[in-house]
Amino acid sequence: MAIDINKLNTTTPLRANRDMAAKANDTATKQSTSSVKTDSVSITSQAQQLQSAQAKMSSLPEIDQKKVAEIKLAITEGRYKVDPEKLAANIASFEAELSELGLDAE
């Protein structure tokens, strides 16, 4: 049995399929826009303190390796003298800075 393909009505199913696809797409778009959730980040106070400490550290000068070598040599030769008052003042200053950052050395 032969089929006469010239008399087939192919536009209706295609149009119906296209309309159904458009409706499905509209529905999916509405669902995706209505269910969009935004992300949020909150930084703890400890993380903020660490960021602040990192910023301060990055502003400090790099280690002067030449000066370190000179001090090491002076120590080995016995020429390096420690000023106890200056050392105590520096330690107190360092602890005060740690206290400000909430990183008390206990």
N, C-alpha and C. Protein backbone atom coordinates (compact mmCIF):
# COMPACT_ATOMS: atom_id res chain seq x y z
N MET A 1 0.83 -1.16 0.00
CA MET A 1 0.00 0.00 0.00
C MET A 1 0.89 1.23 0.00
N ALA A 2 0.67 2.12 -0.90
CA ALA A 2 1.46 3.32 -1.06
C ALA A 2 0.84 4.47 -0.30
N ILE A 3 1.67 5.35 0.22
CA ILE A 3 1.19 6.51 0.97
C ILE A 3 1.42 7.74 0.11
N ASP A 4 0.40 8.54 0.01
CA ASP A 4 0.50 9.77 -0.77
C ASP A 4 1.03 10.87 0.15
N ILE A 5 2.31 11.19 0.00
CA ILE A 5 2.94 12.16 0.90
C ILE A 5 2.62 13.60 0.51
N ASN A 6 2.06 13.80 -0.67
CA ASN A 6 1.72 15.16 -1.09
C ASN A 6 0.53 15.71 -0.32
N LYS A 7 -0.29 14.86 0.22
CA LYS A 7 -1.49 15.33 0.90
C LYS A 7 -1.33 15.31 2.43
N LEU A 8 -0.14 15.06 2.93
CA LEU A 8 0.08 15.07 4.37
C LEU A 8 0.08 16.50 4.89
N ASN A 9 -0.54 16.70 6.01
CA ASN A 9 -0.56 18.01 6.64
C ASN A 9 0.51 18.02 7.74
N THR A 10 1.67 18.52 7.41
CA THR A 10 2.79 18.48 8.37
C THR A 10 2.93 19.77 9.16
N THR A 11 2.22 20.81 8.78
CA THR A 11 2.40 22.09 9.48
C THR A 11 1.77 22.09 10.86
N THR A 12 0.70 21.41 11.07
CA THR A 12 0.03 21.42 12.37
C THR A 12 0.88 20.79 13.46
N PRO A 13 1.40 19.57 13.26
CA PRO A 13 2.23 19.01 14.32
C PRO A 13 3.48 19.83 14.59
N LEU A 14 4.11 20.38 13.57
CA LEU A 14 5.31 21.20 13.79
C LEU A 14 4.96 22.45 14.57
N ARG A 15 3.85 23.08 14.20
CA ARG A 15 3.44 24.29 14.89
C ARG A 15 3.09 23.95 16.34
N ALA A 16 2.43 22.84 16.55
CA ALA A 16 2.07 22.42 17.90
C ALA A 16 3.32 22.13 18.72
N ASN A 17 4.27 21.46 18.09
CA ASN A 17 5.54 21.17 18.79
C ASN A 17 6.27 22.46 19.14
N ARG A 18 6.26 23.41 18.21
CA ARG A 18 6.94 24.68 18.43
C ARG A 18 6.25 25.45 19.56
N ASP A 19 4.90 25.46 19.56
CA ASP A 19 4.15 26.14 20.61
C ASP A 19 4.40 25.48 21.97
N MET A 20 4.43 24.17 22.00
CA MET A 20 4.68 23.46 23.25
C MET A 20 6.08 23.75 23.77
N ALA A 21 7.05 23.80 22.85
CA ALA A 21 8.43 24.10 23.25
C ALA A 21 8.53 25.52 23.79
N ALA A 22 7.83 26.46 23.17
CA ALA A 22 7.86 27.84 23.63
C ALA A 22 7.24 27.96 25.02
N LYS A 23 6.11 27.27 25.25
CA LYS A 23 5.48 27.29 26.57
C LYS A 23 6.39 26.68 27.62
N ALA A 24 7.03 25.57 27.28
CA ALA A 24 7.94 24.92 28.22
C ALA A 24 9.11 25.84 28.54
N ASN A 25 9.61 26.54 27.53
CA ASN A 25 10.73 27.46 27.72
C ASN A 25 10.30 28.62 28.62
N ASP A 26 9.09 29.16 28.38
CA ASP A 26 8.58 30.26 29.22
C ASP A 26 8.43 29.80 30.66
N THR A 27 7.89 28.61 30.85
CA THR A 27 7.71 28.07 32.20
C THR A 27 9.05 27.89 32.89
N ALA A 28 10.02 27.34 32.17
CA ALA A 28 11.35 27.13 32.76
C ALA A 28 12.00 28.46 33.11
N THR A 29 11.81 29.47 32.26
CA THR A 29 12.38 30.79 32.53
C THR A 29 11.75 31.40 33.77
N LYS A 30 10.41 31.30 33.87
CA LYS A 30 9.73 31.84 35.04
C LYS A 30 10.18 31.13 36.31
N GLN A 31 10.32 29.82 36.23
CA GLN A 31 10.74 29.06 37.41
C GLN A 31 12.16 29.43 37.81
N SER A 32 13.03 29.57 36.82
CA SER A 32 14.43 29.86 37.16
C SER A 32 14.59 31.27 37.72
N THR A 33 13.79 32.22 37.20
CA THR A 33 13.93 33.57 37.73
C THR A 33 13.26 33.71 39.09
N SER A 34 12.22 32.94 39.33
CA SER A 34 11.58 33.05 40.63
C SER A 34 12.32 32.30 41.71
N SER A 35 13.13 31.33 41.33
CA SER A 35 13.86 30.55 42.34
C SER A 35 15.34 30.91 42.41
N VAL A 36 15.71 32.05 41.82
CA VAL A 36 17.10 32.47 41.86
C VAL A 36 17.42 32.92 43.28
N LYS A 37 18.45 32.36 43.84
CA LYS A 37 18.88 32.72 45.18
C LYS A 37 20.20 33.45 45.08
N THR A 38 20.37 34.42 45.90
CA THR A 38 21.63 35.15 45.89
C THR A 38 22.53 34.61 46.98
N ASP A 39 23.79 34.57 46.70
CA ASP A 39 24.78 34.13 47.67
C ASP A 39 25.20 35.32 48.51
N SER A 40 25.54 35.04 49.74
CA SER A 40 26.05 36.10 50.60
C SER A 40 27.21 35.55 51.42
N VAL A 41 28.10 36.45 51.75
CA VAL A 41 29.28 36.09 52.52
C VAL A 41 29.36 37.03 53.71
N SER A 42 29.61 36.47 54.87
CA SER A 42 29.84 37.32 56.03
C SER A 42 31.20 36.95 56.60
N ILE A 43 31.97 37.97 56.88
CA ILE A 43 33.32 37.78 57.38
C ILE A 43 33.30 37.97 58.89
N THR A 44 33.83 37.00 59.60
CA THR A 44 33.85 37.08 61.05
C THR A 44 34.82 38.16 61.51
N SER A 45 34.67 38.57 62.74
CA SER A 45 35.57 39.61 63.26
C SER A 45 37.01 39.10 63.31
N GLN A 46 37.17 37.80 63.56
CA GLN A 46 38.52 37.23 63.59
C GLN A 46 39.14 37.29 62.20
N ALA A 47 38.35 36.99 61.17
CA ALA A 47 38.86 37.07 59.79
C ALA A 47 39.22 38.51 59.44
N GLN A 48 38.42 39.45 59.90
CA GLN A 48 38.72 40.86 59.65
C GLN A 48 40.02 41.26 60.34
N GLN A 49 40.25 40.76 61.55
CA GLN A 49 41.49 41.05 62.26
C GLN A 49 42.68 40.46 61.51
N LEU A 50 42.50 39.25 60.99
CA LEU A 50 43.59 38.63 60.23
C LEU A 50 43.88 39.41 58.96
N GLN A 51 42.83 39.91 58.29
CA GLN A 51 43.03 40.73 57.10
C GLN A 51 43.80 42.00 57.45
N SER A 52 43.43 42.59 58.58
CA SER A 52 44.11 43.81 59.01
C SER A 52 45.59 43.53 59.31
N ALA A 53 45.85 42.42 60.00
CA ALA A 53 47.23 42.04 60.31
C ALA A 53 48.02 41.78 59.03
N GLN A 54 47.38 41.12 58.08
CA GLN A 54 48.04 40.83 56.81
C GLN A 54 48.37 42.13 56.06
N ALA A 55 47.44 43.07 56.09
CA ALA A 55 47.68 44.35 55.43
C ALA A 55 48.86 45.08 56.06
N LYS A 56 48.91 45.04 57.40
CA LYS A 56 50.03 45.69 58.10
C LYS A 56 51.35 45.00 57.76
N MET A 57 51.32 43.67 57.72
CA MET A 57 52.55 42.92 57.41
C MET A 57 53.03 43.21 55.99
N SER A 58 52.09 43.35 55.06
CA SER A 58 52.50 43.59 53.67
C SER A 58 53.10 44.98 53.50
N SER A 59 52.78 45.90 54.42
CA SER A 59 53.34 47.25 54.31
C SER A 59 54.73 47.34 54.94
N LEU A 60 55.13 46.33 55.69
CA LEU A 60 56.45 46.33 56.32
C LEU A 60 57.53 46.04 55.27
N PRO A 61 58.72 46.57 55.49
CA PRO A 61 59.80 46.30 54.54
C PRO A 61 60.24 44.84 54.60
N GLU A 62 60.80 44.38 53.50
CA GLU A 62 61.31 43.01 53.43
C GLU A 62 62.54 42.88 54.33
N ILE A 63 62.93 41.66 54.61
CA ILE A 63 64.10 41.41 55.46
C ILE A 63 65.37 41.80 54.71
N ASP A 64 66.18 42.56 55.39
CA ASP A 64 67.47 42.97 54.82
C ASP A 64 68.50 41.89 55.15
N GLN A 65 68.73 41.00 54.21
CA GLN A 65 69.62 39.86 54.44
C GLN A 65 71.05 40.30 54.74
N LYS A 66 71.48 41.42 54.19
CA LYS A 66 72.83 41.93 54.46
C LYS A 66 72.96 42.32 55.93
N LYS A 67 71.92 43.00 56.46
CA LYS A 67 71.95 43.40 57.86
C LYS A 67 71.91 42.18 58.77
N VAL A 68 71.12 41.18 58.41
CA VAL A 68 71.04 39.95 59.20
C VAL A 68 72.41 39.29 59.26
N ALA A 69 73.09 39.24 58.12
CA ALA A 69 74.42 38.62 58.08
C ALA A 69 75.41 39.40 58.95
N GLU A 70 75.30 40.74 58.92
CA GLU A 70 76.19 41.56 59.75
C GLU A 70 75.95 41.31 61.24
N ILE A 71 74.68 41.21 61.62
CA ILE A 71 74.35 40.97 63.03
C ILE A 71 74.83 39.59 63.47
N LYS A 72 74.64 38.59 62.60
CA LYS A 72 75.12 37.23 62.92
C LYS A 72 76.63 37.24 63.15
N LEU A 73 77.34 37.93 62.28
CA LEU A 73 78.79 38.01 62.40
C LEU A 73 79.18 38.72 63.70
N ALA A 74 78.48 39.79 64.02
CA ALA A 74 78.77 40.53 65.26
C ALA A 74 78.51 39.66 66.48
N ILE A 75 77.45 38.85 66.43
CA ILE A 75 77.16 37.95 67.56
C ILE A 75 78.26 36.92 67.71
N THR A 76 78.68 36.30 66.61
CA THR A 76 79.71 35.26 66.70
C THR A 76 81.05 35.84 67.14
N GLU A 77 81.30 37.09 66.79
CA GLU A 77 82.56 37.73 67.18
C GLU A 77 82.47 38.38 68.57
N GLY A 78 81.27 38.36 69.15
CA GLY A 78 81.11 38.94 70.49
C GLY A 78 80.99 40.45 70.49
N ARG A 79 80.76 41.07 69.36
CA ARG A 79 80.66 42.53 69.27
C ARG A 79 79.22 43.02 69.43
N TYR A 80 78.25 42.14 69.40
CA TYR A 80 76.84 42.55 69.44
C TYR A 80 76.42 42.73 70.89
N LYS A 81 75.99 43.90 71.22
CA LYS A 81 75.55 44.21 72.58
C LYS A 81 74.04 44.45 72.57
N VAL A 82 73.35 43.87 73.53
CA VAL A 82 71.90 44.03 73.66
C VAL A 82 71.62 45.14 74.66
N ASP A 83 70.79 46.08 74.26
CA ASP A 83 70.34 47.15 75.16
C ASP A 83 69.05 46.66 75.81
N PRO A 84 69.12 46.26 77.09
CA PRO A 84 67.95 45.66 77.74
C PRO A 84 66.73 46.59 77.78
N GLU A 85 66.94 47.88 77.94
CA GLU A 85 65.82 48.82 77.98
C GLU A 85 65.13 48.91 76.62
N LYS A 86 65.93 48.97 75.57
CA LYS A 86 65.37 49.04 74.21
C LYS A 86 64.64 47.73 73.89
N LEU A 87 65.22 46.61 74.29
CA LEU A 87 64.58 45.31 74.06
C LEU A 87 63.24 45.23 74.79
N ALA A 88 63.20 45.66 76.03
CA ALA A 88 61.96 45.64 76.81
C ALA A 88 60.90 46.55 76.17
N ALA A 89 61.32 47.71 75.70
CA ALA A 89 60.38 48.64 75.05
C ALA A 89 59.81 48.03 73.77
N ASN A 90 60.67 47.36 73.00
CA ASN A 90 60.22 46.72 71.76
C ASN A 90 59.25 45.57 72.04
N ILE A 91 59.54 44.79 73.08
CA ILE A 91 58.65 43.69 73.45
C ILE A 91 57.29 44.24 73.88
N ALA A 92 57.30 45.30 74.69
CA ALA A 92 56.05 45.91 75.15
C ALA A 92 55.25 46.47 73.98
N SER A 93 55.95 47.09 73.05
CA SER A 93 55.29 47.64 71.86
C SER A 93 54.66 46.53 71.01
N PHE A 94 55.40 45.44 70.86
CA PHE A 94 54.90 44.30 70.09
C PHE A 94 53.66 43.70 70.74
N GLU A 95 53.69 43.54 72.04
CA GLU A 95 52.53 42.99 72.77
C GLU A 95 51.34 43.94 72.69
N ALA A 96 51.57 45.22 72.70
CA ALA A 96 50.48 46.19 72.58
C ALA A 96 49.82 46.08 71.20
N GLU A 97 50.64 45.91 70.17
CA GLU A 97 50.10 45.74 68.82
C GLU A 97 49.29 44.46 68.72
N LEU A 98 49.79 43.39 69.33
CA LEU A 98 49.04 42.12 69.33
C LEU A 98 47.72 42.28 70.06
N SER A 99 47.74 43.02 71.14
CA SER A 99 46.53 43.25 71.94
C SER A 99 45.50 44.02 71.13
N GLU A 100 45.94 44.99 70.34
CA GLU A 100 45.05 45.77 69.48
C GLU A 100 44.38 44.87 68.44
N LEU A 101 45.10 43.87 67.98
CA LEU A 101 44.58 42.96 66.97
C LEU A 101 43.75 41.83 67.58
N GLY A 102 43.75 41.77 68.91
CA GLY A 102 43.02 40.70 69.56
C GLY A 102 43.79 39.40 69.54
N LEU A 103 45.09 39.46 69.32
CA LEU A 103 45.94 38.27 69.25
C LEU A 103 46.91 38.27 70.42
N ASP A 104 46.37 38.47 71.60
CA ASP A 104 47.22 38.54 72.79
C ASP A 104 48.12 37.34 72.92
N ALA A 105 49.37 37.61 73.24
CA ALA A 105 50.34 36.52 73.49
C ALA A 105 50.24 36.17 74.97
N GLU A 106 49.64 35.03 75.24
CA GLU A 106 49.47 34.64 76.65
C GLU A 106 50.41 33.53 77.03
